[in-house]
Every structure is written in C-alpha cells, then in structure tokens.
C-alpha atoms as a PDB file:
ATOM      1  CA  UNK A   1      92.099  51.817 -54.154  1.00  0.00           C
ATOM      2  CA  UNK A   2      92.150  55.133 -52.293  1.00  0.00           C
ATOM      3  CA  UNK A   3      93.873  55.775 -48.992  1.00  0.00           C
ATOM      4  CA  UNK A   4      91.336  56.578 -46.265  1.00  0.00           C
ATOM      5  CA  UNK A   5      92.479  58.737 -43.357  1.00  0.00           C
ATOM      6  CA  UNK A   6      91.180  58.334 -39.811  1.00  0.00           C
ATOM      7  CA  UNK A   7      91.779  60.280 -36.587  1.00  0.00           C
ATOM      8  CA  UNK A   8      90.928  59.348 -33.008  1.00  0.00           C
ATOM      9  CA  UNK A   9      87.815  60.906 -31.538  1.00  0.00           C
ATOM     10  CA  UNK A  10      89.239  62.190 -28.215  1.00  0.00           C
ATOM     11  CA  UNK A  11      85.786  62.231 -26.601  1.00  0.00           C
ATOM     12  CA  UNK A  12      85.366  58.480 -27.201  1.00  0.00           C
ATOM     13  CA  UNK A  13      88.957  57.235 -26.916  1.00  0.00           C
ATOM     14  CA  UNK A  14      90.832  56.266 -23.740  1.00  0.00           C
ATOM     15  CA  UNK A  15      94.539  55.471 -23.528  1.00  0.00           C
ATOM     16  CA  UNK A  16      95.110  53.839 -20.130  1.00  0.00           C
ATOM     17  CA  UNK A  17      97.825  51.958 -18.283  1.00  0.00           C
ATOM     18  CA  UNK A  18      97.792  49.822 -15.148  1.00  0.00           C
ATOM     19  CA  UNK A  19     100.564  49.095 -12.646  1.00  0.00           C
ATOM     20  CA  UNK A  20     100.620  47.059  -9.457  1.00  0.00           C
ATOM     21  CA  UNK A  21     101.165  49.088  -6.274  1.00  0.00           C
ATOM     22  CA  UNK A  22     102.821  47.223  -3.405  1.00  0.00           C
ATOM     23  CA  UNK A  23     101.997  44.138  -5.511  1.00  0.00           C
ATOM     24  CA  UNK A  24      98.521  43.921  -3.954  1.00  0.00           C
ATOM     25  CA  UNK A  25      96.400  46.471  -5.855  1.00  0.00           C
ATOM     26  CA  UNK A  26      96.330  48.033  -9.309  1.00  0.00           C
ATOM     27  CA  UNK A  27      96.612  51.751 -10.012  1.00  0.00           C
ATOM     28  CA  UNK A  28      95.199  53.022 -13.297  1.00  0.00           C
ATOM     29  CA  UNK A  29      96.236  56.110 -15.210  1.00  0.00           C
ATOM     30  CA  UNK A  30      95.549  57.645 -18.580  1.00  0.00           C
ATOM     31  CA  UNK A  31      96.711  60.373 -20.943  1.00  0.00           C
ATOM     32  CA  UNK A  32      94.356  63.309 -21.480  1.00  0.00           C
ATOM     33  CA  UNK A  33      96.096  64.670 -24.610  1.00  0.00           C
ATOM     34  CA  UNK A  34      97.071  62.467 -27.539  1.00  0.00           C
ATOM     35  CA  UNK A  35      96.998  62.206 -31.322  1.00  0.00           C
ATOM     36  CA  UNK A  36      96.285  59.124 -33.411  1.00  0.00           C
ATOM     37  CA  UNK A  37      96.373  59.026 -37.204  1.00  0.00           C
ATOM     38  CA  UNK A  38      95.541  55.899 -39.198  1.00  0.00           C
ATOM     39  CA  UNK A  39      95.522  55.346 -42.957  1.00  0.00           C
ATOM     40  CA  UNK A  40      93.757  52.371 -44.549  1.00  0.00           C
ATOM     41  CA  UNK A  41      93.240  51.076 -48.067  1.00  0.00           C
ATOM     42  CA  UNK A  42      89.495  51.526 -48.404  1.00  0.00           C
ATOM     43  CA  UNK A  43      87.221  51.687 -45.364  1.00  0.00           C
ATOM     44  CA  UNK A  44      87.255  48.106 -44.059  1.00  0.00           C
ATOM     45  CA  UNK A  45      90.589  47.931 -42.130  1.00  0.00           C
ATOM     46  CA  UNK A  46      91.767  44.824 -43.997  1.00  0.00           C
ATOM     47  CA  UNK A  47      94.888  46.752 -45.002  1.00  0.00           C
ATOM     48  CA  UNK A  48      96.346  49.442 -42.762  1.00  0.00           C
ATOM     49  CA  UNK A  49      99.084  51.575 -44.297  1.00  0.00           C
ATOM     50  CA  UNK A  50      99.931  53.844 -41.340  1.00  0.00           C
ATOM     51  CA  UNK A  51      99.440  54.027 -37.576  1.00  0.00           C
ATOM     52  CA  UNK A  52     101.011  56.993 -35.765  1.00  0.00           C
ATOM     53  CA  UNK A  53     100.260  57.726 -32.111  1.00  0.00           C
ATOM     54  CA  UNK A  54     101.706  60.253 -29.690  1.00  0.00           C
ATOM     55  CA  UNK A  55     100.726  61.163 -26.142  1.00  0.00           C
ATOM     56  CA  UNK A  56     101.569  64.345 -24.262  1.00  0.00           C
ATOM     57  CA  UNK A  57     103.384  63.030 -21.171  1.00  0.00           C
ATOM     58  CA  UNK A  58     102.465  66.161 -19.231  1.00  0.00           C
ATOM     59  CA  UNK A  59      98.800  65.135 -19.575  1.00  0.00           C
ATOM     60  CA  UNK A  60      99.261  61.958 -17.504  1.00  0.00           C
ATOM     61  CA  UNK A  61      96.464  61.539 -14.959  1.00  0.00           C
ATOM     62  CA  UNK A  62      96.223  58.922 -12.202  1.00  0.00           C
ATOM     63  CA  UNK A  63      93.616  60.788 -10.175  1.00  0.00           C
ATOM     64  CA  UNK A  64      96.283  61.924  -7.695  1.00  0.00           C
ATOM     65  CA  UNK A  65      98.212  65.187  -8.201  1.00  0.00           C
ATOM     66  CA  UNK A  66     101.276  64.109  -6.181  1.00  0.00           C
ATOM     67  CA  UNK A  67     101.583  60.812  -8.067  1.00  0.00           C
ATOM     68  CA  UNK A  68     101.084  62.621 -11.387  1.00  0.00           C
ATOM     69  CA  UNK A  69     103.922  65.028 -10.542  1.00  0.00           C
ATOM     70  CA  UNK A  70     106.171  62.121  -9.548  1.00  0.00           C
ATOM     71  CA  UNK A  71     105.430  60.273 -12.817  1.00  0.00           C
ATOM     72  CA  UNK A  72     106.295  63.417 -14.817  1.00  0.00           C
ATOM     73  CA  UNK A  73     109.587  63.813 -12.927  1.00  0.00           C
ATOM     74  CA  UNK A  74     113.018  62.452 -13.878  1.00  0.00           C
ATOM     75  CA  UNK A  75     112.299  59.386 -11.689  1.00  0.00           C
ATOM     76  CA  UNK A  76     109.850  58.172 -14.345  1.00  0.00           C
ATOM     77  CA  UNK A  77     108.848  59.810 -17.669  1.00  0.00           C
ATOM     78  CA  UNK A  78     110.987  62.965 -17.353  1.00  0.00           C
ATOM     79  CA  UNK A  79     108.329  64.998 -19.175  1.00  0.00           C
ATOM     80  CA  UNK A  80     110.487  68.112 -19.350  1.00  0.00           C
ATOM     81  CA  UNK A  81     113.156  66.379 -21.462  1.00  0.00           C
ATOM     82  CA  UNK A  82     110.884  63.826 -23.187  1.00  0.00           C
ATOM     83  CA  UNK A  83     107.474  65.507 -23.637  1.00  0.00           C
ATOM     84  CA  UNK A  84     106.009  62.864 -25.987  1.00  0.00           C
ATOM     85  CA  UNK A  85     105.468  59.124 -25.863  1.00  0.00           C
ATOM     86  CA  UNK A  86     105.144  57.701 -29.400  1.00  0.00           C
ATOM     87  CA  UNK A  87     104.030  54.538 -31.180  1.00  0.00           C
ATOM     88  CA  UNK A  88     104.535  53.862 -34.874  1.00  0.00           C
ATOM     89  CA  UNK A  89     102.851  50.762 -36.283  1.00  0.00           C
ATOM     90  CA  UNK A  90     104.966  48.353 -38.339  1.00  0.00           C
ATOM     91  CA  UNK A  91     102.617  45.363 -38.671  1.00  0.00           C
ATOM     92  CA  UNK A  92      98.838  45.105 -38.669  1.00  0.00           C
ATOM     93  CA  UNK A  93      97.231  41.737 -39.281  1.00  0.00           C
ATOM     94  CA  UNK A  94      93.435  41.306 -39.199  1.00  0.00           C
ATOM     95  CA  UNK A  95      92.180  37.776 -38.503  1.00  0.00           C
ATOM     96  CA  UNK A  96      88.399  37.888 -38.217  1.00  0.00           C
ATOM     97  CA  UNK A  97      87.701  40.344 -35.420  1.00  0.00           C
ATOM     98  CA  UNK A  98      91.147  39.933 -33.843  1.00  0.00           C
ATOM     99  CA  UNK A  99      94.119  42.075 -34.802  1.00  0.00           C
ATOM    100  CA  UNK A 100      97.804  41.505 -34.172  1.00  0.00           C
ATOM    101  CA  UNK A 101      99.479  44.893 -33.905  1.00  0.00           C
ATOM    102  CA  UNK A 102     103.222  45.470 -33.767  1.00  0.00           C
ATOM    103  CA  UNK A 103     105.165  48.678 -33.746  1.00  0.00           C
ATOM    104  CA  UNK A 104     107.909  50.791 -32.268  1.00  0.00           C
ATOM    105  CA  UNK A 105     107.108  52.348 -28.909  1.00  0.00           C
ATOM    106  CA  UNK A 106     109.266  55.262 -27.765  1.00  0.00           C
ATOM    107  CA  UNK A 107     109.253  56.306 -24.119  1.00  0.00           C
ATOM    108  CA  UNK A 108     111.867  58.560 -22.567  1.00  0.00           C
ATOM    109  CA  UNK A 109     114.016  58.453 -25.711  1.00  0.00           C
ATOM    110  CA  UNK A 110     114.159  54.644 -25.818  1.00  0.00           C
ATOM    111  CA  UNK A 111     112.476  52.782 -28.672  1.00  0.00           C
ATOM    112  CA  UNK A 112     111.483  49.114 -28.437  1.00  0.00           C
ATOM    113  CA  UNK A 113     109.355  46.868 -30.638  1.00  0.00           C
ATOM    114  CA  UNK A 114     106.130  45.873 -28.896  1.00  0.00           C
ATOM    115  CA  UNK A 115     103.319  43.528 -29.844  1.00  0.00           C
ATOM    116  CA  UNK A 116      99.712  43.980 -28.776  1.00  0.00           C
ATOM    117  CA  UNK A 117      96.386  42.354 -29.426  1.00  0.00           C
ATOM    118  CA  UNK A 118      93.399  44.287 -30.617  1.00  0.00           C
ATOM    119  CA  UNK A 119      89.746  43.492 -31.043  1.00  0.00           C
ATOM    120  CA  UNK A 120      88.169  45.133 -34.079  1.00  0.00           C
ATOM    121  CA  UNK A 121      84.674  46.373 -33.236  1.00  0.00           C
ATOM    122  CA  UNK A 122      83.772  47.188 -36.844  1.00  0.00           C
ATOM    123  CA  UNK A 123      82.862  50.266 -38.860  1.00  0.00           C
ATOM    124  CA  UNK A 124      79.507  52.063 -38.483  1.00  0.00           C
ATOM    125  CA  UNK A 125      77.768  55.165 -39.771  1.00  0.00           C
ATOM    126  CA  UNK A 126      77.233  57.716 -37.036  1.00  0.00           C
ATOM    127  CA  UNK A 127      74.047  59.830 -36.669  1.00  0.00           C
ATOM    128  CA  UNK A 128      75.766  62.767 -38.445  1.00  0.00           C
ATOM    129  CA  UNK A 129      76.561  60.855 -41.648  1.00  0.00           C
ATOM    130  CA  UNK A 130      80.188  60.094 -40.815  1.00  0.00           C
ATOM    131  CA  UNK A 131      81.961  56.765 -40.453  1.00  0.00           C
ATOM    132  CA  UNK A 132      83.552  55.472 -37.273  1.00  0.00           C
ATOM    133  CA  UNK A 133      85.674  52.428 -36.455  1.00  0.00           C
ATOM    134  CA  UNK A 134      86.305  50.905 -33.031  1.00  0.00           C
ATOM    135  CA  UNK A 135      89.132  48.910 -31.471  1.00  0.00           C
ATOM    136  CA  UNK A 136      90.017  47.595 -28.018  1.00  0.00           C
ATOM    137  CA  UNK A 137      93.785  47.227 -27.650  1.00  0.00           C
ATOM    138  CA  UNK A 138      95.672  45.427 -24.885  1.00  0.00           C
ATOM    139  CA  UNK A 139      99.280  44.582 -24.205  1.00  0.00           C
ATOM    140  CA  UNK A 140     102.072  44.570 -21.638  1.00  0.00           C
ATOM    141  CA  UNK A 141     105.467  46.238 -21.461  1.00  0.00           C
ATOM    142  CA  UNK A 142     108.377  46.287 -19.036  1.00  0.00           C
ATOM    143  CA  UNK A 143     108.770  49.878 -17.835  1.00  0.00           C
ATOM    144  CA  UNK A 144     112.438  49.264 -16.987  1.00  0.00           C
ATOM    145  CA  UNK A 145     113.187  48.499 -20.662  1.00  0.00           C
ATOM    146  CA  UNK A 146     112.263  52.134 -21.341  1.00  0.00           C
ATOM    147  CA  UNK A 147     114.424  53.606 -18.566  1.00  0.00           C
ATOM    148  CA  UNK A 148     111.646  54.029 -15.987  1.00  0.00           C
ATOM    149  CA  UNK A 149     113.718  52.363 -13.276  1.00  0.00           C
ATOM    150  CA  UNK A 150     112.631  54.148 -10.104  1.00  0.00           C
ATOM    151  CA  UNK A 151     111.386  51.943  -7.308  1.00  0.00           C
ATOM    152  CA  UNK A 152     111.364  51.763  -3.544  1.00  0.00           C
ATOM    153  CA  UNK A 153     111.584  48.661  -1.403  1.00  0.00           C
ATOM    154  CA  UNK A 154     109.112  48.052   1.414  1.00  0.00           C
ATOM    155  CA  UNK A 155     110.129  46.887   4.905  1.00  0.00           C
ATOM    156  CA  UNK A 156     109.090  43.377   3.928  1.00  0.00           C
ATOM    157  CA  UNK A 157     111.396  43.484   0.891  1.00  0.00           C
ATOM    158  CA  UNK A 158     108.696  43.950  -1.736  1.00  0.00           C
ATOM    159  CA  UNK A 159     108.628  46.589  -4.450  1.00  0.00           C
ATOM    160  CA  UNK A 160     106.328  49.610  -4.518  1.00  0.00           C
ATOM    161  CA  UNK A 161     105.642  49.645  -8.293  1.00  0.00           C
ATOM    162  CA  UNK A 162     105.574  46.651 -10.636  1.00  0.00           C
ATOM    163  CA  UNK A 163     107.885  46.448 -13.632  1.00  0.00           C
ATOM    164  CA  UNK A 164     105.065  45.089 -15.805  1.00  0.00           C
ATOM    165  CA  UNK A 165     102.697  47.750 -17.097  1.00  0.00           C
ATOM    166  CA  UNK A 166      99.436  46.772 -18.765  1.00  0.00           C
ATOM    167  CA  UNK A 167      98.230  48.943 -21.620  1.00  0.00           C
ATOM    168  CA  UNK A 168      94.520  49.082 -22.407  1.00  0.00           C
ATOM    169  CA  UNK A 169      93.081  51.406 -25.029  1.00  0.00           C
ATOM    170  CA  UNK A 170      89.539  51.941 -26.235  1.00  0.00           C
ATOM    171  CA  UNK A 171      89.879  53.604 -29.634  1.00  0.00           C
ATOM    172  CA  UNK A 172      87.189  55.222 -31.732  1.00  0.00           C
ATOM    173  CA  UNK A 173      88.382  56.480 -35.113  1.00  0.00           C
ATOM    174  CA  UNK A 174      86.547  58.971 -37.317  1.00  0.00           C
ATOM    175  CA  UNK A 175      87.008  58.863 -41.082  1.00  0.00           C
ATOM    176  CA  UNK A 176      88.209  62.180 -42.420  1.00  0.00           C
ATOM    177  CA  UNK A 177      86.111  63.529 -45.259  1.00  0.00           C
ATOM    178  CA  UNK A 178      89.003  64.842 -47.341  1.00  0.00           C
ATOM    179  CA  UNK A 179      87.699  63.179 -50.499  1.00  0.00           C
ATOM    180  CA  UNK A 180      84.362  64.955 -50.135  1.00  0.00           C
ATOM    181  CA  UNK A 181      86.085  68.281 -49.415  1.00  0.00           C
ATOM    182  CA  UNK A 182      88.365  67.858 -52.450  1.00  0.00           C
ATOM    183  CA  UNK A 183      85.353  67.077 -54.651  1.00  0.00           C
ATOM    184  CA  UNK A 184      83.527  70.212 -53.422  1.00  0.00           C
ATOM    185  CA  UNK A 185      86.612  72.321 -54.244  1.00  0.00           C
ATOM    186  CA  UNK A 186      86.694  70.876 -57.783  1.00  0.00           C
ATOM    187  CA  UNK A 187      82.979  71.638 -58.262  1.00  0.00           C
ATOM    188  CA  UNK A 188      83.412  75.223 -57.010  1.00  0.00           C
ATOM    189  CA  UNK A 189      86.482  75.759 -59.202  1.00  0.00           C
ATOM    190  CA  UNK A 190      84.613  74.416 -62.243  1.00  0.00           C
ATOM    191  CA  UNK A 191      81.656  76.795 -61.676  1.00  0.00           C
END
C-alpha cells in the first residue's frame, strides 16, 4: 500500500491553548504560523506512519500585544532562543471515530511525552477534486514541566496563571497529489 502525504490547510486549521487567569477566567491564545505533515498508509487514517508538527513561537497571539510580548520573553517561551515548539507523533490508535494520540512535545528545549484525544471527522472530497481529512484534538499539559515557570502571586495568595494548559486544535488536512504529479511526469517523459 502506498504512503499518502497530508499537510494542514492553514486557512481551516486552528492550534489554540487555554490558561486560567487569576483562576477565575480563561484566556485563549493561538499560533498563527505552523507546519503539520502527516503520512498514512492509504487514505483512510487507519494506519498513520508519521505526524510532525511545529509552531513558530513568535506567531503566538492572545489578542493582546503586551501579553504576547510577555509570552515570547524569557519568562515564558523565550522565542529568541527557542523559536519553535514541536510535536512528533509516536502512537496513533483509531477506535471508531476516536483517536488516541501520543507523541513527544518539545517546548523551550524540553521534551516530554504527552497523550491527547482526537475525534476523527472523516475524509471528504472537496469542491476542487481534492481530499481533506478533519480532526479535533484536545489535551492538557503542565507548563512548568516545560520550563515555563513564571508566575505572580496575588494579594489574596492566588496565582496569576494556571500551571495546567489546555490544548485544543481543529485540524483540516489536505492530501498532497504527489502521485498524480509523478504520473504526469512519467507520461510527459514517455511522449
């Protein structure tokens, strides 16, 4: 069976995170620049051979310029020294529409194994003749395990930012048409 390559459609993919602020509200952020490459056996996502994700830390966006700058600083992500956040999949298990996804997440030079749940939305043909696959991914990490230790204490003794960070991603993958391109090259060369 042939390996099928997929890339994220950046116009229809969101990589977001959520943290508690003052432990009473949730602040949401996302990354504007990222890459996601997936390789499957066939087109049905029963067997996934490769998952490689990276996000440009400098593209972090929480809808507040001052907070964005603070998150990029050495207090948090230290974007100057560690410009990329990466995830490399090590286990993908499809059970019906639910997926168990494990992999190595690297933030700020620290790599930890994380486990997330995903909901497989299926594969469809788009209006332009291509194929697309959809996933909703969710999980939680401890930011302090990755060296993002900054925090301030309120007058009441509470913390400003939670340790637990929720990750939520809406992923739309587009099948690359390398096989079709290779076939066209062979036809042209034969002519």
